[in-house]
Amino acid sequence: MNCFTHPETAAVGICKACCKGLCPACAVEMDGAISCGGECETYIEQLNKVIRESSTSSSAAFVVANRQVRQQGIILIFFGIAFLAFAYLAWRDGAGKMPWLFAVFGLLFGVFGVVRLRRSSMYPIDKPGKESGG
């Protein structure tokens, strides 16, 4: 592969932003990447900033995700209890096969709710003072 700007010169790398071949004269090294310069440099700086910020804020996002999983489990258990109550009321009033349908849905909602609650910490959270492997 040859340099995009200097076709007679062999490329030493590829720009991280635009993927063009770069010779030693054109290549600008920054944070372990090679850039053309100009707009590509700005783009790579912004990209590296986003990567740094996302790696530091992932723990907070996982806390929120775990909380949502826990809330889903509670809601599913609530629906399971409600369906079982409807099943009991329908059975008491002699509604034919309707109580079985409500009972099945109640049990399914309840089981899935318990599974969600048991997995309410399914996303890893970095504890302060712990080393995290990357």
Protein backbone atom coordinates (compact mmCIF):
# COMPACT_ATOMS: atom_id res chain seq x y z
CA MET A 1 0.00 0.00 0.00
CA ASN A 2 1.25 3.48 -0.83
CA CYS A 3 0.60 6.88 0.72
CA PHE A 4 -2.66 8.54 -0.37
CA THR A 5 -0.99 11.95 -0.79
CA HIS A 6 2.37 10.69 -2.09
CA PRO A 7 1.58 7.65 -4.30
CA GLU A 8 5.26 6.96 -4.97
CA THR A 9 6.04 6.49 -1.22
CA ALA A 10 5.23 3.32 0.72
CA ALA A 11 2.68 3.75 3.51
CA VAL A 12 3.76 3.11 7.11
CA GLY A 13 0.23 3.07 8.52
CA ILE A 14 -3.44 3.86 8.04
CA CYS A 15 -5.31 6.87 9.37
CA LYS A 16 -7.64 5.83 12.22
CA ALA A 17 -10.33 8.25 11.00
CA CYS A 18 -10.41 7.96 7.19
CA CYS A 19 -8.43 4.72 6.63
CA LYS A 20 -6.10 6.26 4.03
CA GLY A 21 -2.54 5.00 3.69
CA LEU A 22 0.08 7.40 5.16
CA CYS A 23 3.81 7.78 4.60
CA PRO A 24 6.20 8.99 7.36
CA ALA A 25 5.88 12.60 6.13
CA CYS A 26 2.06 12.60 6.35
CA ALA A 27 1.53 10.51 9.49
CA VAL A 28 0.80 12.27 12.76
CA GLU A 29 1.00 9.99 15.80
CA MET A 30 -1.48 10.63 18.60
CA ASP A 31 -2.52 8.44 21.54
CA GLY A 32 -1.38 5.22 19.92
CA ALA A 33 -3.08 5.99 16.61
CA ILE A 34 -1.98 7.49 13.32
CA SER A 35 -3.80 10.40 11.72
CA CYS A 36 -3.63 12.44 8.51
CA GLY A 37 -3.84 15.66 10.48
CA GLY A 38 -6.42 18.45 10.30
CA GLU A 39 -10.01 17.19 10.48
CA CYS A 40 -8.92 13.61 11.10
CA GLU A 41 -6.88 14.72 14.11
CA THR A 42 -9.90 16.49 15.59
CA TYR A 43 -12.11 13.47 14.91
CA ILE A 44 -9.64 11.08 16.60
CA GLU A 45 -9.35 13.38 19.64
CA GLN A 46 -13.15 13.41 19.98
CA LEU A 47 -13.34 9.65 19.50
CA ASN A 48 -10.68 9.03 22.17
CA LYS A 49 -12.53 11.39 24.54
CA VAL A 50 -15.78 9.46 24.06
CA ILE A 51 -13.98 6.17 24.68
CA ARG A 52 -12.39 7.48 27.90
CA GLU A 53 -15.70 8.90 29.19
CA SER A 54 -17.68 5.76 28.38
CA SER A 55 -15.22 3.55 30.22
CA THR A 56 -15.49 5.69 33.38
CA SER A 57 -19.28 6.03 33.29
CA SER A 58 -20.09 2.38 32.57
CA SER A 59 -20.34 1.56 36.28
CA ALA A 60 -23.15 4.11 36.75
CA ALA A 61 -24.97 2.73 33.70
CA PHE A 62 -24.72 -0.79 35.10
CA VAL A 63 -26.19 0.36 38.42
CA VAL A 64 -29.20 1.77 36.55
CA ALA A 65 -29.53 -1.39 34.42
CA ASN A 66 -29.45 -3.62 37.52
CA ARG A 67 -32.12 -1.45 39.16
CA GLN A 68 -34.34 -1.79 36.08
CA VAL A 69 -33.96 -5.58 36.06
CA ARG A 70 -34.95 -5.66 39.74
CA GLN A 71 -38.00 -3.44 39.06
CA GLN A 72 -39.05 -5.69 36.18
CA GLY A 73 -38.90 -8.69 38.50
CA ILE A 74 -41.10 -7.00 41.09
CA ILE A 75 -43.65 -5.96 38.45
CA LEU A 76 -43.76 -9.48 36.99
CA ILE A 77 -44.34 -10.98 40.44
CA PHE A 78 -47.12 -8.45 41.04
CA PHE A 79 -48.79 -9.45 37.76
CA GLY A 80 -48.38 -13.11 38.69
CA ILE A 81 -50.15 -12.56 42.00
CA ALA A 82 -52.91 -10.58 40.25
CA PHE A 83 -53.48 -13.35 37.69
CA LEU A 84 -53.57 -15.97 40.44
CA ALA A 85 -56.14 -13.86 42.29
CA PHE A 86 -58.25 -13.63 39.12
CA ALA A 87 -57.89 -17.40 38.72
CA TYR A 88 -59.19 -17.93 42.25
CA LEU A 89 -62.11 -15.57 41.71
CA ALA A 90 -63.01 -17.23 38.39
CA TRP A 91 -62.74 -20.70 39.98
CA ARG A 92 -64.91 -19.62 42.90
CA ASP A 93 -67.59 -18.33 40.51
CA GLY A 94 -67.44 -21.51 38.39
CA ALA A 95 -66.19 -19.92 35.16
CA GLY A 96 -65.29 -23.19 33.41
CA LYS A 97 -61.76 -23.33 31.99
CA MET A 98 -61.01 -19.64 32.53
CA PRO A 99 -59.42 -20.17 35.98
CA TRP A 100 -56.82 -22.50 34.46
CA LEU A 101 -55.81 -19.89 31.91
CA PHE A 102 -55.43 -17.23 34.60
CA ALA A 103 -53.53 -19.67 36.82
CA VAL A 104 -51.08 -20.58 34.04
CA PHE A 105 -50.40 -16.93 33.26
CA GLY A 106 -50.06 -16.16 36.96
CA LEU A 107 -47.51 -18.92 37.45
CA LEU A 108 -45.56 -17.88 34.34
CA PHE A 109 -45.42 -14.24 35.39
CA GLY A 110 -44.41 -15.27 38.91
CA VAL A 111 -41.63 -17.60 37.74
CA PHE A 112 -40.23 -15.04 35.30
CA GLY A 113 -40.42 -12.38 38.02
CA VAL A 114 -38.41 -14.53 40.43
CA VAL A 115 -35.85 -15.25 37.70
CA ARG A 116 -35.48 -11.50 37.02
CA LEU A 117 -35.07 -10.78 40.74
CA ARG A 118 -32.41 -13.44 41.08
CA ARG A 119 -30.54 -11.88 38.15
CA SER A 120 -30.94 -8.31 39.40
CA SER A 121 -27.17 -7.91 39.59
CA MET A 122 -26.41 -9.43 36.21
CA TYR A 123 -24.34 -6.45 35.05
CA PRO A 124 -20.87 -6.13 36.63
CA ILE A 125 -20.23 -3.08 38.80
CA ASP A 126 -16.66 -2.05 39.58
CA LYS A 127 -16.31 -1.61 43.31
CA PRO A 128 -14.04 1.22 44.53
CA GLY A 129 -10.56 -0.05 45.29
CA LYS A 130 -10.90 -3.14 43.07
CA GLU A 131 -8.71 -3.60 40.03
CA SER A 132 -10.70 -4.29 36.89
CA GLY A 133 -9.20 -6.31 34.09
CA GLY A 134 -9.57 -4.81 30.66
